[in-house]
C-alpha atoms as a PDB file:
ATOM      1  CA  UNK A   1      70.732-190.205  90.642  1.00  0.00           C
ATOM      2  CA  UNK A   2      69.797-186.713  91.888  1.00  0.00           C
ATOM      3  CA  UNK A   3      73.082-185.252  90.682  1.00  0.00           C
ATOM      4  CA  UNK A   4      72.537-186.874  87.283  1.00  0.00           C
ATOM      5  CA  UNK A   5      69.063-185.337  87.039  1.00  0.00           C
ATOM      6  CA  UNK A   6      70.409-181.946  88.090  1.00  0.00           C
ATOM      7  CA  UNK A   7      73.270-182.137  85.571  1.00  0.00           C
ATOM      8  CA  UNK A   8      70.905-183.147  82.804  1.00  0.00           C
ATOM      9  CA  UNK A   9      68.541-180.294  83.719  1.00  0.00           C
ATOM     10  CA  UNK A  10      71.381-177.746  83.658  1.00  0.00           C
ATOM     11  CA  UNK A  11      72.474-179.095  80.281  1.00  0.00           C
ATOM     12  CA  UNK A  12      68.968-178.695  78.922  1.00  0.00           C
ATOM     13  CA  UNK A  13      68.854-175.105  80.202  1.00  0.00           C
ATOM     14  CA  UNK A  14      72.179-174.321  78.518  1.00  0.00           C
ATOM     15  CA  UNK A  15      70.849-175.745  75.256  1.00  0.00           C
ATOM     16  CA  UNK A  16      67.697-173.622  75.510  1.00  0.00           C
ATOM     17  CA  UNK A  17      65.319-176.482  76.316  1.00  0.00           C
ATOM     18  CA  UNK A  18      63.722-174.978  79.399  1.00  0.00           C
ATOM     19  CA  UNK A  19      60.464-176.953  79.179  1.00  0.00           C
ATOM     20  CA  UNK A  20      62.347-180.247  79.183  1.00  0.00           C
ATOM     21  CA  UNK A  21      64.554-178.958  82.000  1.00  0.00           C
ATOM     22  CA  UNK A  22      61.446-178.382  84.126  1.00  0.00           C
ATOM     23  CA  UNK A  23      60.512-182.047  83.817  1.00  0.00           C
ATOM     24  CA  UNK A  24      63.972-183.279  84.803  1.00  0.00           C
ATOM     25  CA  UNK A  25      64.579-180.722  87.558  1.00  0.00           C
ATOM     26  CA  UNK A  26      61.123-181.299  89.053  1.00  0.00           C
ATOM     27  CA  UNK A  27      62.044-184.957  89.497  1.00  0.00           C
ATOM     28  CA  UNK A  28      65.297-183.934  91.189  1.00  0.00           C
ATOM     29  CA  UNK A  29      63.389-181.534  93.465  1.00  0.00           C
ATOM     30  CA  UNK A  30      61.017-184.326  94.489  1.00  0.00           C
ATOM     31  CA  UNK A  31      64.010-186.369  95.609  1.00  0.00           C
ATOM     32  CA  UNK A  32      65.826-183.477  97.328  1.00  0.00           C
ATOM     33  CA  UNK A  33      63.395-180.617  98.002  1.00  0.00           C
ATOM     34  CA  UNK A  34      65.789-178.656 100.210  1.00  0.00           C
ATOM     35  CA  UNK A  35      68.621-178.420  97.670  1.00  0.00           C
ATOM     36  CA  UNK A  36      69.059-174.788  96.683  1.00  0.00           C
ATOM     37  CA  UNK A  37      70.913-175.463  93.431  1.00  0.00           C
ATOM     38  CA  UNK A  38      68.052-177.598  92.136  1.00  0.00           C
ATOM     39  CA  UNK A  39      65.496-174.967  93.148  1.00  0.00           C
ATOM     40  CA  UNK A  40      67.523-172.192  91.507  1.00  0.00           C
ATOM     41  CA  UNK A  41      67.822-174.091  88.227  1.00  0.00           C
ATOM     42  CA  UNK A  42      64.116-174.920  88.315  1.00  0.00           C
ATOM     43  CA  UNK A  43      63.322-171.264  88.978  1.00  0.00           C
ATOM     44  CA  UNK A  44      65.401-170.269  85.960  1.00  0.00           C
ATOM     45  CA  UNK A  45      63.546-172.801  83.821  1.00  0.00           C
ATOM     46  CA  UNK A  46      60.167-171.512  84.973  1.00  0.00           C
ATOM     47  CA  UNK A  47      61.279-167.932  84.321  1.00  0.00           C
ATOM     48  CA  UNK A  48      62.521-168.821  80.842  1.00  0.00           C
ATOM     49  CA  UNK A  49      59.202-170.479  79.974  1.00  0.00           C
ATOM     50  CA  UNK A  50      57.116-167.487  81.006  1.00  0.00           C
ATOM     51  CA  UNK A  51      56.018-168.825  84.385  1.00  0.00           C
ATOM     52  CA  UNK A  52      57.176-166.032  86.714  1.00  0.00           C
ATOM     53  CA  UNK A  53      54.902-166.997  89.620  1.00  0.00           C
ATOM     54  CA  UNK A  54      56.361-170.485  89.758  1.00  0.00           C
ATOM     55  CA  UNK A  55      59.848-169.023  89.332  1.00  0.00           C
ATOM     56  CA  UNK A  56      59.159-166.622  92.203  1.00  0.00           C
ATOM     57  CA  UNK A  57      58.195-169.536  94.444  1.00  0.00           C
ATOM     58  CA  UNK A  58      61.424-171.405  93.673  1.00  0.00           C
ATOM     59  CA  UNK A  59      63.657-168.353  94.101  1.00  0.00           C
ATOM     60  CA  UNK A  60      61.937-167.467  97.378  1.00  0.00           C
ATOM     61  CA  UNK A  61      62.753-170.952  98.635  1.00  0.00           C
ATOM     62  CA  UNK A  62      66.396-170.504  97.627  1.00  0.00           C
ATOM     63  CA  UNK A  63      66.512-167.193  99.514  1.00  0.00           C
ATOM     64  CA  UNK A  64      65.027-168.882 102.583  1.00  0.00           C
ATOM     65  CA  UNK A  65      67.623-171.668 102.373  1.00  0.00           C
ATOM     66  CA  UNK A  66      70.536-169.313 101.649  1.00  0.00           C
ATOM     67  CA  UNK A  67      69.705-165.713 102.621  1.00  0.00           C
ATOM     68  CA  UNK A  68      73.204-164.522 101.655  1.00  0.00           C
ATOM     69  CA  UNK A  69      72.933-165.723  98.037  1.00  0.00           C
ATOM     70  CA  UNK A  70      73.011-162.503  96.024  1.00  0.00           C
ATOM     71  CA  UNK A  71      71.939-164.193  92.779  1.00  0.00           C
ATOM     72  CA  UNK A  72      68.888-165.721  94.484  1.00  0.00           C
ATOM     73  CA  UNK A  73      67.825-162.255  95.657  1.00  0.00           C
ATOM     74  CA  UNK A  74      68.363-160.865  92.168  1.00  0.00           C
ATOM     75  CA  UNK A  75      66.391-163.661  90.501  1.00  0.00           C
ATOM     76  CA  UNK A  76      63.602-163.348  93.060  1.00  0.00           C
ATOM     77  CA  UNK A  77      63.535-159.617  92.346  1.00  0.00           C
ATOM     78  CA  UNK A  78      63.114-160.204  88.618  1.00  0.00           C
ATOM     79  CA  UNK A  79      60.345-162.734  89.205  1.00  0.00           C
ATOM     80  CA  UNK A  80      58.600-160.315  91.565  1.00  0.00           C
ATOM     81  CA  UNK A  81      58.868-157.578  88.942  1.00  0.00           C
ATOM     82  CA  UNK A  82      57.292-159.843  86.326  1.00  0.00           C
ATOM     83  CA  UNK A  83      54.378-160.604  88.654  1.00  0.00           C
ATOM     84  CA  UNK A  84      53.718-156.952  89.451  1.00  0.00           C
ATOM     85  CA  UNK A  85      55.344-156.868  92.887  1.00  0.00           C
ATOM     86  CA  UNK A  86      57.603-153.893  92.163  1.00  0.00           C
ATOM     87  CA  UNK A  87      58.239-152.900  95.779  1.00  0.00           C
ATOM     88  CA  UNK A  88      59.253-156.433  96.701  1.00  0.00           C
ATOM     89  CA  UNK A  89      61.311-156.660  93.514  1.00  0.00           C
ATOM     90  CA  UNK A  90      63.173-153.472  94.346  1.00  0.00           C
ATOM     91  CA  UNK A  91      64.000-154.742  97.833  1.00  0.00           C
ATOM     92  CA  UNK A  92      65.514-157.976  96.545  1.00  0.00           C
ATOM     93  CA  UNK A  93      67.453-156.334  93.728  1.00  0.00           C
ATOM     94  CA  UNK A  94      68.802-153.740  96.181  1.00  0.00           C
ATOM     95  CA  UNK A  95      69.848-156.581  98.474  1.00  0.00           C
ATOM     96  CA  UNK A  96      71.649-158.367  95.634  1.00  0.00           C
ATOM     97  CA  UNK A  97      73.440-155.170  94.638  1.00  0.00           C
ATOM     98  CA  UNK A  98      74.448-154.450  98.232  1.00  0.00           C
ATOM     99  CA  UNK A  99      75.791-157.990  98.666  1.00  0.00           C
ATOM    100  CA  UNK A 100      77.743-157.925  95.417  1.00  0.00           C
ATOM    101  CA  UNK A 101      78.213-154.355  94.177  1.00  0.00           C
ATOM    102  CA  UNK A 102      79.304-153.650  90.649  1.00  0.00           C
ATOM    103  CA  UNK A 103      77.489-156.514  88.911  1.00  0.00           C
ATOM    104  CA  UNK A 104      76.208-154.891  85.697  1.00  0.00           C
ATOM    105  CA  UNK A 105      72.904-156.803  85.439  1.00  0.00           C
ATOM    106  CA  UNK A 106      72.121-156.049  89.110  1.00  0.00           C
ATOM    107  CA  UNK A 107      72.764-152.349  88.479  1.00  0.00           C
ATOM    108  CA  UNK A 108      70.654-152.302  85.284  1.00  0.00           C
ATOM    109  CA  UNK A 109      67.725-153.951  87.067  1.00  0.00           C
ATOM    110  CA  UNK A 110      68.058-151.544  89.974  1.00  0.00           C
ATOM    111  CA  UNK A 111      68.007-148.506  87.649  1.00  0.00           C
ATOM    112  CA  UNK A 112      64.969-149.907  85.846  1.00  0.00           C
ATOM    113  CA  UNK A 113      63.067-150.507  89.090  1.00  0.00           C
ATOM    114  CA  UNK A 114      63.948-147.143  90.616  1.00  0.00           C
ATOM    115  CA  UNK A 115      63.006-145.664  87.275  1.00  0.00           C
END
């Protein structure tokens, strides 16, 4: 059941239906609140629907569950940037870039934040 909800939520994200994905992924999160993949997808959906504070919360949880996840640090950095936390954003984007150097979107975000 949880995997089906997650899969459906990811499908909705891919199709550009982020609002609907939030509904489905929120149900999956209720059933398995400590699953990083669900939280990451939900964070992406919140980010895509212009809810960076809620996205930041989800990405922060992913980072706490998996501190070596470079994408989680990157996504948290973007959400922090959108909510005006530039110093925190820079730290997370730097961490992502250090963990996985050479990723173009990490490098672009880092240049933008260093500015």
